[in-house]
Structure formats: structure tokens, C-alpha cells
Amino acid sequence: MTPIRMMALDVDDTLLRSDLSMSYRTRNTIKRAAAAGIVVVLASSRIPAAMERIARSLGMHKRQGYLVCNHGTIIQESSTKTIIYEIRIPPESALTAFDLAHAEGFPVQLYEQGIMYVSRSTEFADYDQKLTGLHQVVVENFRDRLAAGCHKLLIPGDPMILSPLESLLRTYIGEEVSLFTGKPYFLEILPPQTDKGSALAKVAEKLGIPREAVLAVGDSMNDAGMIQWAGLGVAMVNGDERLKDLAEVVTQRSNDDDGVADIIEGYVLRRSSQVAGHT
């Protein structure tokens, strides 16, 4: 197996425990890998402002690392906060998505400059605020906010009624955007051909790291792109069964029991020390 030189970690339900904390063991294991020269990438649906605190707790503000934000619409260097890649949803597509969702009675959310803008406040928006720590602002004329386009739109709702809306959106703008449910109650809309896998490929290309030397860990289907692209794709045991079918490895322990630390110790640190021992 090619030694791992870069590892990409999903955040929620992978790196973080259910209470949104990170164990000392997991944090320390990631720091050990970074100290050994492994490039650490955090890949999430969160915006940069909701990821920087986590990155800082891992010491990523002190060394080379990357934040793949909004599922790949923004890629940011962790130490300098320099954005190396950015893409937005075309304004016309964003407005069509909003109009269709609004006509069906759904609220819509977007995220810009560390703020969560919502067309109306809901229990889902309140949960998202708790999850990300972002300030929530209700916008009366949401269409005006969309005029310049946006990195990501999110439509929250009961999974049973989100599915028909997703089908409707695919009919009207399916070729203009990427659509998927990150969590069952969050329908997310991104620019076309955007996912964590394509973003991870961009980082690897920038650094000259082959995909065979990349490890990726995730739990849901919005991680499928990077799990399939990476040389070693790992699914969390607490994750989506469909993702487990796509992954090469499934963790033995969950996000609440240091599943990520197990993988880093077994496939990154141990193998790195074995390679060093044979040089």
C-alpha cells in the first residue's frame, strides 16, 4: 500500500462526537499525524467560519492544511485563510430553486460571511445554528439576497416531504446544479459538478500528491465523492449503509468512540513508522 501523505476528514458524525465535541485521543492522533508530515484536510458542508474553530483546536492554524467548505464550493488554506478555490451557484438557478421551494411552502437558507440567512425561522434553522454556531438572520426579501448568487442553498424540512421537492428541483434545474441530502432533513443545492471529491482532487493536484496517497473518512452520502476518489476510502460504522458499500474500509468504532483515531493510528501512523523503519 502507498504510504498516506494526505488525509481528508468529514466533520459532523465523523470527526466530532454526537455532542459536537472532539475527544482528546482523536485530537492528539490528528496532531501526531500532522507532525509526521501528513497534510490534514477537513471536508464539511460547513462554511469557513464554522470550521475555523475546529481547525484551530487541531493546530491547523500553525501548519499547512486545508478546509474544504460548503462541500467543495470554497477551499481555504488553514494557516493563512487564503481561499485557493471558489465557485458559486448561478443567480438564475438560485432564484429558480428559491421560487420553487417557496411555492411549495419550504423555507430556504444560505450562508455568507459567517452568517446564516434564512427566509423564515424554523426549528431546523435553530438546530443548524446550534450545530454550526452561526448567527441567524431572517431576510424579508430573500430573492434580493440571491441576486449575486451564492455558494450553497439549503432547504430544510421533514424527509418525507423533501423528497418530492428534490424531484421537482431535479426536473427544472437538475442540469444546472448539484442536489443531494447531506442529512435526511437538509436538501442542499450546490454549483454543478461540485462535491468533496472534486475539491480533494484540487488540493492533491496543488500539492503534487497522487490519489493513491490520500485517505478519506466520512459517514454520509455527501462524502461519497471523496471516499471513491481517495486511494483509501473509509466509512464510519455509524454511517450510511450505501456509503459503506462504496468504501474500502469501515471503521470498527463509531464517531462517539474514536473511530477516526483508530483509522489514523492503523493506516497512517503505523504504516508511516513501518516505512521509516525500512529506510
C-alpha atoms as a PDB file:
ATOM      1  CA  MET A   1       0.000   0.000   0.000  1.00  0.00           C
ATOM      2  CA  THR A   2       1.237   3.514  -0.876  1.00  0.00           C
ATOM      3  CA  PRO A   3       2.097   5.484   2.294  1.00  0.00           C
ATOM      4  CA  ILE A   4      -0.554   8.070   3.148  1.00  0.00           C
ATOM      5  CA  ARG A   5       0.560  11.680   2.612  1.00  0.00           C
ATOM      6  CA  MET A   6      -2.785  13.446   2.979  1.00  0.00           C
ATOM      7  CA  MET A   7      -5.945  12.628   4.934  1.00  0.00           C
ATOM      8  CA  ALA A   8      -9.368  14.203   4.490  1.00  0.00           C
ATOM      9  CA  LEU A   9     -11.813  14.040   7.388  1.00  0.00           C
ATOM     10  CA  ASP A  10     -15.513  14.811   7.367  1.00  0.00           C
ATOM     11  CA  VAL A  11     -16.530  16.800  10.457  1.00  0.00           C
ATOM     12  CA  ASP A  12     -20.050  16.080  11.734  1.00  0.00           C
ATOM     13  CA  ASP A  13     -20.733  12.466  12.785  1.00  0.00           C
ATOM     14  CA  THR A  14     -17.174  11.543  11.784  1.00  0.00           C
ATOM     15  CA  LEU A  15     -14.579  13.716  13.477  1.00  0.00           C
ATOM     16  CA  LEU A  16     -16.980  15.133  16.066  1.00  0.00           C
ATOM     17  CA  ARG A  17     -18.944  13.120  18.594  1.00  0.00           C
ATOM     18  CA  SER A  18     -22.731  13.340  18.819  1.00  0.00           C
ATOM     19  CA  ASP A  19     -22.466  16.173  21.342  1.00  0.00           C
ATOM     20  CA  LEU A  20     -20.258  18.093  18.832  1.00  0.00           C
ATOM     21  CA  SER A  21     -17.130  17.618  20.949  1.00  0.00           C
ATOM     22  CA  MET A  22     -13.845  16.010  19.926  1.00  0.00           C
ATOM     23  CA  SER A  23     -12.069  13.559  22.215  1.00  0.00           C
ATOM     24  CA  TYR A  24      -8.522  14.176  23.408  1.00  0.00           C
ATOM     25  CA  ARG A  25      -7.392  10.944  21.763  1.00  0.00           C
ATOM     26  CA  THR A  26      -8.770  11.879  18.348  1.00  0.00           C
ATOM     27  CA  ARG A  27      -7.384  15.403  18.534  1.00  0.00           C
ATOM     28  CA  ASN A  28      -3.970  14.171  19.661  1.00  0.00           C
ATOM     29  CA  THR A  29      -3.830  11.477  16.960  1.00  0.00           C
ATOM     30  CA  ILE A  30      -4.518  14.028  14.216  1.00  0.00           C
ATOM     31  CA  LYS A  31      -1.832  16.327  15.612  1.00  0.00           C
ATOM     32  CA  ARG A  32       0.646  13.438  15.637  1.00  0.00           C
ATOM     33  CA  ALA A  33      -0.114  12.710  12.005  1.00  0.00           C
ATOM     34  CA  ALA A  34       0.334  16.379  11.072  1.00  0.00           C
ATOM     35  CA  ALA A  35       3.637  16.487  12.966  1.00  0.00           C
ATOM     36  CA  ALA A  36       4.744  13.464  10.920  1.00  0.00           C
ATOM     37  CA  GLY A  37       4.194  15.451   7.721  1.00  0.00           C
ATOM     38  CA  ILE A  38       0.679  14.300   6.791  1.00  0.00           C
ATOM     39  CA  VAL A  39      -1.408  17.076   5.229  1.00  0.00           C
ATOM     40  CA  VAL A  40      -4.714  17.366   7.103  1.00  0.00           C
ATOM     41  CA  VAL A  41      -7.862  18.380   5.227  1.00  0.00           C
ATOM     42  CA  LEU A  42     -11.203  18.986   6.943  1.00  0.00           C
ATOM     43  CA  ALA A  43     -14.060  18.461   4.477  1.00  0.00           C
ATOM     44  CA  SER A  44     -17.526  19.612   5.511  1.00  0.00           C
ATOM     45  CA  SER A  45     -20.807  21.187   4.483  1.00  0.00           C
ATOM     46  CA  ARG A  46     -19.964  23.943   6.979  1.00  0.00           C
ATOM     47  CA  ILE A  47     -18.814  27.386   5.866  1.00  0.00           C
ATOM     48  CA  PRO A  48     -15.280  28.551   6.777  1.00  0.00           C
ATOM     49  CA  ALA A  49     -16.402  30.462   9.874  1.00  0.00           C
ATOM     50  CA  ALA A  50     -17.975  27.279  11.278  1.00  0.00           C
ATOM     51  CA  MET A  51     -14.829  25.234  10.623  1.00  0.00           C
ATOM     52  CA  GLU A  52     -12.022  27.525  11.764  1.00  0.00           C
ATOM     53  CA  ARG A  53     -12.542  26.876  15.486  1.00  0.00           C
ATOM     54  CA  ILE A  54     -12.272  23.133  14.899  1.00  0.00           C
ATOM     55  CA  ALA A  55      -9.195  23.606  12.709  1.00  0.00           C
ATOM     56  CA  ARG A  56      -7.540  25.759  15.377  1.00  0.00           C
ATOM     57  CA  SER A  57      -8.150  23.096  18.030  1.00  0.00           C
ATOM     58  CA  LEU A  58      -6.131  20.747  15.813  1.00  0.00           C
ATOM     59  CA  GLY A  59      -3.297  23.225  15.414  1.00  0.00           C
ATOM     60  CA  MET A  60      -4.048  23.670  11.725  1.00  0.00           C
ATOM     61  CA  HIS A  61      -3.567  27.441  12.007  1.00  0.00           C
ATOM     62  CA  LYS A  62       0.137  26.767  12.597  1.00  0.00           C
ATOM     63  CA  ARG A  63       0.906  24.473   9.656  1.00  0.00           C
ATOM     64  CA  GLN A  64      -0.124  23.617   6.134  1.00  0.00           C
ATOM     65  CA  GLY A  65      -3.633  22.246   5.916  1.00  0.00           C
ATOM     66  CA  TYR A  66      -6.869  22.881   4.088  1.00  0.00           C
ATOM     67  CA  LEU A  67     -10.571  23.424   4.765  1.00  0.00           C
ATOM     68  CA  VAL A  68     -12.958  22.118   2.120  1.00  0.00           C
ATOM     69  CA  CYS A  69     -16.079  24.137   2.922  1.00  0.00           C
ATOM     70  CA  ASN A  70     -19.672  24.003   1.657  1.00  0.00           C
ATOM     71  CA  HIS A  71     -18.987  20.528   0.218  1.00  0.00           C
ATOM     72  CA  GLY A  72     -16.284  21.998  -2.005  1.00  0.00           C
ATOM     73  CA  THR A  73     -17.532  25.403  -3.134  1.00  0.00           C
ATOM     74  CA  ILE A  74     -14.716  27.005  -1.095  1.00  0.00           C
ATOM     75  CA  ILE A  75     -11.231  25.631  -0.426  1.00  0.00           C
ATOM     76  CA  GLN A  76      -9.245  27.599   2.145  1.00  0.00           C
ATOM     77  CA  GLU A  77      -5.722  27.280   3.488  1.00  0.00           C
ATOM     78  CA  SER A  78      -5.966  26.645   7.226  1.00  0.00           C
ATOM     79  CA  SER A  79      -2.877  28.655   8.251  1.00  0.00           C
ATOM     80  CA  THR A  80      -3.375  31.767   6.113  1.00  0.00           C
ATOM     81  CA  LYS A  81      -7.168  31.677   5.492  1.00  0.00           C
ATOM     82  CA  THR A  82      -6.332  32.229   1.817  1.00  0.00           C
ATOM     83  CA  ILE A  83      -9.081  30.978  -0.483  1.00  0.00           C
ATOM     84  CA  ILE A  84      -7.481  28.919  -3.248  1.00  0.00           C
ATOM     85  CA  TYR A  85     -10.725  27.947  -4.985  1.00  0.00           C
ATOM     86  CA  GLU A  86     -14.267  29.294  -5.014  1.00  0.00           C
ATOM     87  CA  ILE A  87     -17.409  28.722  -7.087  1.00  0.00           C
ATOM     88  CA  ARG A  88     -20.983  29.996  -6.801  1.00  0.00           C
ATOM     89  CA  ILE A  89     -24.411  28.831  -7.911  1.00  0.00           C
ATOM     90  CA  PRO A  90     -25.522  30.843 -10.978  1.00  0.00           C
ATOM     91  CA  PRO A  91     -28.022  33.518  -9.803  1.00  0.00           C
ATOM     92  CA  GLU A  92     -30.739  32.326 -12.194  1.00  0.00           C
ATOM     93  CA  SER A  93     -30.541  28.783 -10.834  1.00  0.00           C
ATOM     94  CA  ALA A  94     -30.570  30.012  -7.231  1.00  0.00           C
ATOM     95  CA  LEU A  95     -33.644  32.158  -7.874  1.00  0.00           C
ATOM     96  CA  THR A  96     -35.483  29.299  -9.588  1.00  0.00           C
ATOM     97  CA  ALA A  97     -34.700  26.986  -6.671  1.00  0.00           C
ATOM     98  CA  PHE A  98     -35.978  29.556  -4.197  1.00  0.00           C
ATOM     99  CA  ASP A  99     -39.160  30.234  -6.150  1.00  0.00           C
ATOM    100  CA  LEU A 100     -39.985  26.530  -6.429  1.00  0.00           C
ATOM    101  CA  ALA A 101     -39.270  25.871  -2.747  1.00  0.00           C
ATOM    102  CA  HIS A 102     -41.193  28.963  -1.641  1.00  0.00           C
ATOM    103  CA  ALA A 103     -44.189  27.999  -3.780  1.00  0.00           C
ATOM    104  CA  GLU A 104     -44.242  24.602  -2.050  1.00  0.00           C
ATOM    105  CA  GLY A 105     -44.099  26.222   1.398  1.00  0.00           C
ATOM    106  CA  PHE A 106     -40.461  25.485   2.229  1.00  0.00           C
ATOM    107  CA  PRO A 107     -38.044  27.890   3.934  1.00  0.00           C
ATOM    108  CA  VAL A 108     -34.626  28.444   2.344  1.00  0.00           C
ATOM    109  CA  GLN A 109     -31.228  29.173   3.904  1.00  0.00           C
ATOM    110  CA  LEU A 110     -27.926  30.469   2.572  1.00  0.00           C
ATOM    111  CA  TYR A 111     -24.573  31.135   4.190  1.00  0.00           C
ATOM    112  CA  GLU A 112     -22.321  34.113   3.528  1.00  0.00           C
ATOM    113  CA  GLN A 113     -19.545  35.804   5.534  1.00  0.00           C
ATOM    114  CA  GLY A 114     -20.166  33.802   8.673  1.00  0.00           C
ATOM    115  CA  ILE A 115     -23.922  34.445   8.786  1.00  0.00           C
ATOM    116  CA  MET A 116     -26.833  32.082   8.163  1.00  0.00           C
ATOM    117  CA  TYR A 117     -29.530  33.957   6.256  1.00  0.00           C
ATOM    118  CA  VAL A 118     -32.996  32.371   6.353  1.00  0.00           C
ATOM    119  CA  SER A 119     -36.246  33.156   4.574  1.00  0.00           C
ATOM    120  CA  ARG A 120     -38.016  32.372   7.839  1.00  0.00           C
ATOM    121  CA  SER A 121     -37.010  30.963  11.201  1.00  0.00           C
ATOM    122  CA  THR A 122     -37.757  27.271  11.802  1.00  0.00           C
ATOM    123  CA  GLU A 123     -36.785  24.515  14.202  1.00  0.00           C
ATOM    124  CA  PHE A 124     -34.399  23.266  11.525  1.00  0.00           C
ATOM    125  CA  ALA A 125     -32.694  26.650  11.279  1.00  0.00           C
ATOM    126  CA  ASP A 126     -32.383  26.730  15.067  1.00  0.00           C
ATOM    127  CA  TYR A 127     -30.765  23.282  15.003  1.00  0.00           C
ATOM    128  CA  ASP A 128     -28.419  24.366  12.215  1.00  0.00           C
ATOM    129  CA  GLN A 129     -27.467  27.404  14.300  1.00  0.00           C
ATOM    130  CA  LYS A 130     -26.671  25.150  17.255  1.00  0.00           C
ATOM    131  CA  LEU A 131     -24.704  22.808  15.009  1.00  0.00           C
ATOM    132  CA  THR A 132     -22.579  25.493  13.341  1.00  0.00           C
ATOM    133  CA  GLY A 133     -22.537  28.303  15.899  1.00  0.00           C
ATOM    134  CA  LEU A 134     -23.506  30.795  13.196  1.00  0.00           C
ATOM    135  CA  HIS A 135     -25.618  33.890  13.764  1.00  0.00           C
ATOM    136  CA  GLN A 136     -29.086  33.533  12.213  1.00  0.00           C
ATOM    137  CA  VAL A 137     -30.674  36.438  10.338  1.00  0.00           C
ATOM    138  CA  VAL A 138     -34.198  36.407   8.881  1.00  0.00           C
ATOM    139  CA  VAL A 139     -34.294  38.182   5.494  1.00  0.00           C
ATOM    140  CA  GLU A 140     -37.604  39.672   4.385  1.00  0.00           C
ATOM    141  CA  ASN A 141     -36.765  39.848   0.680  1.00  0.00           C
ATOM    142  CA  PHE A 142     -34.749  36.685   0.223  1.00  0.00           C
ATOM    143  CA  ARG A 143     -34.716  36.972  -3.581  1.00  0.00           C
ATOM    144  CA  ASP A 144     -32.683  40.183  -3.380  1.00  0.00           C
ATOM    145  CA  ARG A 145     -30.097  38.362  -1.270  1.00  0.00           C
ATOM    146  CA  LEU A 146     -29.762  35.765  -4.049  1.00  0.00           C
ATOM    147  CA  ALA A 147     -29.182  38.312  -6.808  1.00  0.00           C
ATOM    148  CA  ALA A 148     -25.387  37.908  -6.709  1.00  0.00           C
ATOM    149  CA  GLY A 149     -25.541  34.123  -6.500  1.00  0.00           C
ATOM    150  CA  CYS A 150     -24.368  32.109  -3.515  1.00  0.00           C
ATOM    151  CA  HIS A 151     -22.051  29.248  -2.607  1.00  0.00           C
ATOM    152  CA  LYS A 152     -24.805  26.964  -1.315  1.00  0.00           C
ATOM    153  CA  LEU A 153     -28.543  26.888  -0.698  1.00  0.00           C
ATOM    154  CA  LEU A 154     -30.125  24.670   1.925  1.00  0.00           C
ATOM    155  CA  ILE A 155     -33.800  23.727   2.134  1.00  0.00           C
ATOM    156  CA  PRO A 156     -34.761  22.129   5.469  1.00  0.00           C
ATOM    157  CA  GLY A 157     -37.806  20.001   6.123  1.00  0.00           C
ATOM    158  CA  ASP A 158     -39.282  16.647   7.002  1.00  0.00           C
ATOM    159  CA  PRO A 159     -37.544  13.966   4.886  1.00  0.00           C
ATOM    160  CA  MET A 160     -40.888  12.588   3.713  1.00  0.00           C
ATOM    161  CA  ILE A 161     -41.862  15.859   2.057  1.00  0.00           C
ATOM    162  CA  LEU A 162     -38.366  16.915   0.990  1.00  0.00           C
ATOM    163  CA  SER A 163     -38.122  14.009  -1.433  1.00  0.00           C
ATOM    164  CA  PRO A 164     -40.895  15.242  -3.778  1.00  0.00           C
ATOM    165  CA  LEU A 165     -39.325  18.718  -3.723  1.00  0.00           C
ATOM    166  CA  GLU A 166     -35.956  17.257  -4.678  1.00  0.00           C
ATOM    167  CA  SER A 167     -37.595  15.520  -7.655  1.00  0.00           C
ATOM    168  CA  LEU A 168     -39.223  18.791  -8.669  1.00  0.00           C
ATOM    169  CA  LEU A 169     -35.930  20.680  -8.486  1.00  0.00           C
ATOM    170  CA  ARG A 170     -34.155  17.990 -10.499  1.00  0.00           C
ATOM    171  CA  THR A 171     -36.776  18.369 -13.225  1.00  0.00           C
ATOM    172  CA  TYR A 172     -36.316  22.132 -13.518  1.00  0.00           C
ATOM    173  CA  ILE A 173     -32.649  22.781 -12.652  1.00  0.00           C
ATOM    174  CA  GLY A 174     -31.084  19.339 -12.307  1.00  0.00           C
ATOM    175  CA  GLU A 175     -28.542  20.032 -15.058  1.00  0.00           C
ATOM    176  CA  GLU A 176     -27.608  23.451 -13.646  1.00  0.00           C
ATOM    177  CA  VAL A 177     -26.770  22.468 -10.049  1.00  0.00           C
ATOM    178  CA  SER A 178     -25.758  19.583  -7.790  1.00  0.00           C
ATOM    179  CA  LEU A 179     -28.524  18.329  -5.473  1.00  0.00           C
ATOM    180  CA  PHE A 180     -28.290  15.975  -2.503  1.00  0.00           C
ATOM    181  CA  THR A 181     -29.352  15.457   1.095  1.00  0.00           C
ATOM    182  CA  GLY A 182     -26.406  15.738   3.497  1.00  0.00           C
ATOM    183  CA  LYS A 183     -28.631  14.960   6.437  1.00  0.00           C
ATOM    184  CA  PRO A 184     -32.111  13.499   5.761  1.00  0.00           C
ATOM    185  CA  TYR A 185     -33.780  16.796   6.702  1.00  0.00           C
ATOM    186  CA  PHE A 186     -31.400  19.099   4.751  1.00  0.00           C
ATOM    187  CA  LEU A 187     -31.702  19.297   0.949  1.00  0.00           C
ATOM    188  CA  GLU A 188     -28.573  21.049  -0.311  1.00  0.00           C
ATOM    189  CA  ILE A 189     -28.043  22.820  -3.622  1.00  0.00           C
ATOM    190  CA  LEU A 190     -24.528  23.450  -4.944  1.00  0.00           C
ATOM    191  CA  PRO A 191     -22.921  24.603  -8.189  1.00  0.00           C
ATOM    192  CA  PRO A 192     -22.746  21.892 -10.891  1.00  0.00           C
ATOM    193  CA  GLN A 193     -20.088  19.173 -10.606  1.00  0.00           C
ATOM    194  CA  THR A 194     -19.250  20.229  -7.072  1.00  0.00           C
ATOM    195  CA  ASP A 195     -18.543  17.757  -4.286  1.00  0.00           C
ATOM    196  CA  LYS A 196     -15.906  16.910  -1.698  1.00  0.00           C
ATOM    197  CA  GLY A 197     -14.179  14.519  -4.076  1.00  0.00           C
ATOM    198  CA  SER A 198     -13.531  17.127  -6.778  1.00  0.00           C
ATOM    199  CA  ALA A 199     -12.324  19.562  -4.107  1.00  0.00           C
ATOM    200  CA  LEU A 200      -9.974  16.984  -2.612  1.00  0.00           C
ATOM    201  CA  ALA A 201      -8.580  16.296  -6.085  1.00  0.00           C
ATOM    202  CA  LYS A 202      -7.810  20.009  -6.470  1.00  0.00           C
ATOM    203  CA  VAL A 203      -5.880  20.084  -3.190  1.00  0.00           C
ATOM    204  CA  ALA A 204      -3.958  16.946  -4.091  1.00  0.00           C
ATOM    205  CA  GLU A 205      -3.072  18.346  -7.513  1.00  0.00           C
ATOM    206  CA  LYS A 206      -1.853  21.596  -5.966  1.00  0.00           C
ATOM    207  CA  LEU A 207       0.443  19.650  -3.632  1.00  0.00           C
ATOM    208  CA  GLY A 208       1.534  17.041  -6.161  1.00  0.00           C
ATOM    209  CA  ILE A 209       0.112  14.190  -4.091  1.00  0.00           C
ATOM    210  CA  PRO A 210      -1.240  11.167  -6.020  1.00  0.00           C
ATOM    211  CA  ARG A 211      -4.700   9.908  -5.116  1.00  0.00           C
ATOM    212  CA  GLU A 212      -3.161   6.596  -4.013  1.00  0.00           C
ATOM    213  CA  ALA A 213      -1.517   8.505  -1.141  1.00  0.00           C
ATOM    214  CA  VAL A 214      -4.798  10.057   0.072  1.00  0.00           C
ATOM    215  CA  LEU A 215      -7.074   8.722   2.824  1.00  0.00           C
ATOM    216  CA  ALA A 216     -10.641   9.999   3.231  1.00  0.00           C
ATOM    217  CA  VAL A 217     -13.091   9.297   6.050  1.00  0.00           C
ATOM    218  CA  GLY A 218     -16.812  10.128   6.102  1.00  0.00           C
ATOM    219  CA  ASP A 219     -20.250   8.982   7.198  1.00  0.00           C
ATOM    220  CA  SER A 220     -22.891  10.155   4.731  1.00  0.00           C
ATOM    221  CA  MET A 221     -23.567  10.141   1.007  1.00  0.00           C
ATOM    222  CA  ASN A 222     -22.278  13.686   0.622  1.00  0.00           C
ATOM    223  CA  ASP A 223     -18.886  12.105   1.403  1.00  0.00           C
ATOM    224  CA  ALA A 224     -19.209   9.591  -1.431  1.00  0.00           C
ATOM    225  CA  GLY A 225     -17.199  11.679  -3.879  1.00  0.00           C
ATOM    226  CA  MET A 226     -14.091  11.810  -1.727  1.00  0.00           C
ATOM    227  CA  ILE A 227     -14.487   8.240  -0.451  1.00  0.00           C
ATOM    228  CA  GLN A 228     -14.498   6.982  -4.036  1.00  0.00           C
ATOM    229  CA  TRP A 229     -11.740   9.311  -5.239  1.00  0.00           C
ATOM    230  CA  ALA A 230      -9.222   8.706  -2.438  1.00  0.00           C
ATOM    231  CA  GLY A 231      -6.760   5.855  -2.597  1.00  0.00           C
ATOM    232  CA  LEU A 232      -8.185   4.619   0.701  1.00  0.00           C
ATOM    233  CA  GLY A 233     -11.840   5.453   1.318  1.00  0.00           C
ATOM    234  CA  VAL A 234     -13.146   4.805   4.833  1.00  0.00           C
ATOM    235  CA  ALA A 235     -16.773   4.856   6.017  1.00  0.00           C
ATOM    236  CA  MET A 236     -17.787   5.256   9.636  1.00  0.00           C
ATOM    237  CA  VAL A 237     -19.591   2.294  11.159  1.00  0.00           C
ATOM    238  CA  ASN A 238     -22.292   4.753  12.273  1.00  0.00           C
ATOM    239  CA  GLY A 239     -22.660   5.986   8.697  1.00  0.00           C
ATOM    240  CA  ASP A 240     -24.986   5.461   5.752  1.00  0.00           C
ATOM    241  CA  GLU A 241     -25.135   1.838   4.608  1.00  0.00           C
ATOM    242  CA  ARG A 242     -24.812   2.959   0.978  1.00  0.00           C
ATOM    243  CA  LEU A 243     -21.514   4.669   1.779  1.00  0.00           C
ATOM    244  CA  LYS A 244     -20.212   1.546   3.489  1.00  0.00           C
ATOM    245  CA  ASP A 245     -20.805  -0.342   0.243  1.00  0.00           C
ATOM    246  CA  LEU A 246     -18.636   2.200  -1.600  1.00  0.00           C
ATOM    247  CA  ALA A 247     -15.805   2.302   0.950  1.00  0.00           C
ATOM    248  CA  GLU A 248     -12.758   0.075   1.028  1.00  0.00           C
ATOM    249  CA  VAL A 249     -12.724   0.072   4.836  1.00  0.00           C
ATOM    250  CA  VAL A 250     -15.413   0.513   7.509  1.00  0.00           C
ATOM    251  CA  THR A 251     -14.378   1.617  10.988  1.00  0.00           C
ATOM    252  CA  GLN A 252     -14.897  -0.791  13.849  1.00  0.00           C
ATOM    253  CA  ARG A 253     -15.931   2.005  16.194  1.00  0.00           C
ATOM    254  CA  SER A 254     -18.240   4.982  15.821  1.00  0.00           C
ATOM    255  CA  ASN A 255     -17.644   8.728  15.965  1.00  0.00           C
ATOM    256  CA  ASP A 256     -18.567   8.574  19.667  1.00  0.00           C
ATOM    257  CA  ASP A 257     -15.813   6.051  20.335  1.00  0.00           C
ATOM    258  CA  ASP A 258     -12.722   7.324  18.470  1.00  0.00           C
ATOM    259  CA  GLY A 259     -13.336   5.549  15.167  1.00  0.00           C
ATOM    260  CA  VAL A 260     -11.255   8.165  13.317  1.00  0.00           C
ATOM    261  CA  ALA A 261      -8.337   7.788  15.733  1.00  0.00           C
ATOM    262  CA  ASP A 262      -8.322   4.027  15.119  1.00  0.00           C
ATOM    263  CA  ILE A 263      -8.027   4.569  11.367  1.00  0.00           C
ATOM    264  CA  ILE A 264      -5.253   7.160  11.619  1.00  0.00           C
ATOM    265  CA  GLU A 265      -3.259   5.001  14.002  1.00  0.00           C
ATOM    266  CA  GLY A 266      -3.694   1.868  11.880  1.00  0.00           C
ATOM    267  CA  TYR A 267      -3.393   3.231   8.341  1.00  0.00           C
ATOM    268  CA  VAL A 268      -1.341   6.423   8.711  1.00  0.00           C
ATOM    269  CA  LEU A 269       0.914   6.483  11.777  1.00  0.00           C
ATOM    270  CA  ARG A 270       1.698   2.768  11.993  1.00  0.00           C
ATOM    271  CA  ARG A 271       2.405   2.438   8.278  1.00  0.00           C
ATOM    272  CA  SER A 272       4.479   5.627   8.302  1.00  0.00           C
ATOM    273  CA  SER A 273       6.654   4.254  11.096  1.00  0.00           C
ATOM    274  CA  GLN A 274       6.991   0.954   9.231  1.00  0.00           C
ATOM    275  CA  VAL A 275       8.170   2.760   6.092  1.00  0.00           C
ATOM    276  CA  ALA A 276      10.620   4.834   8.147  1.00  0.00           C
ATOM    277  CA  GLY A 277      11.939   1.654   9.754  1.00  0.00           C
ATOM    278  CA  HIS A 278      12.822   0.216   6.338  1.00  0.00           C
ATOM    279  CA  THR A 279      14.704   3.245   5.039  1.00  0.00           C
END
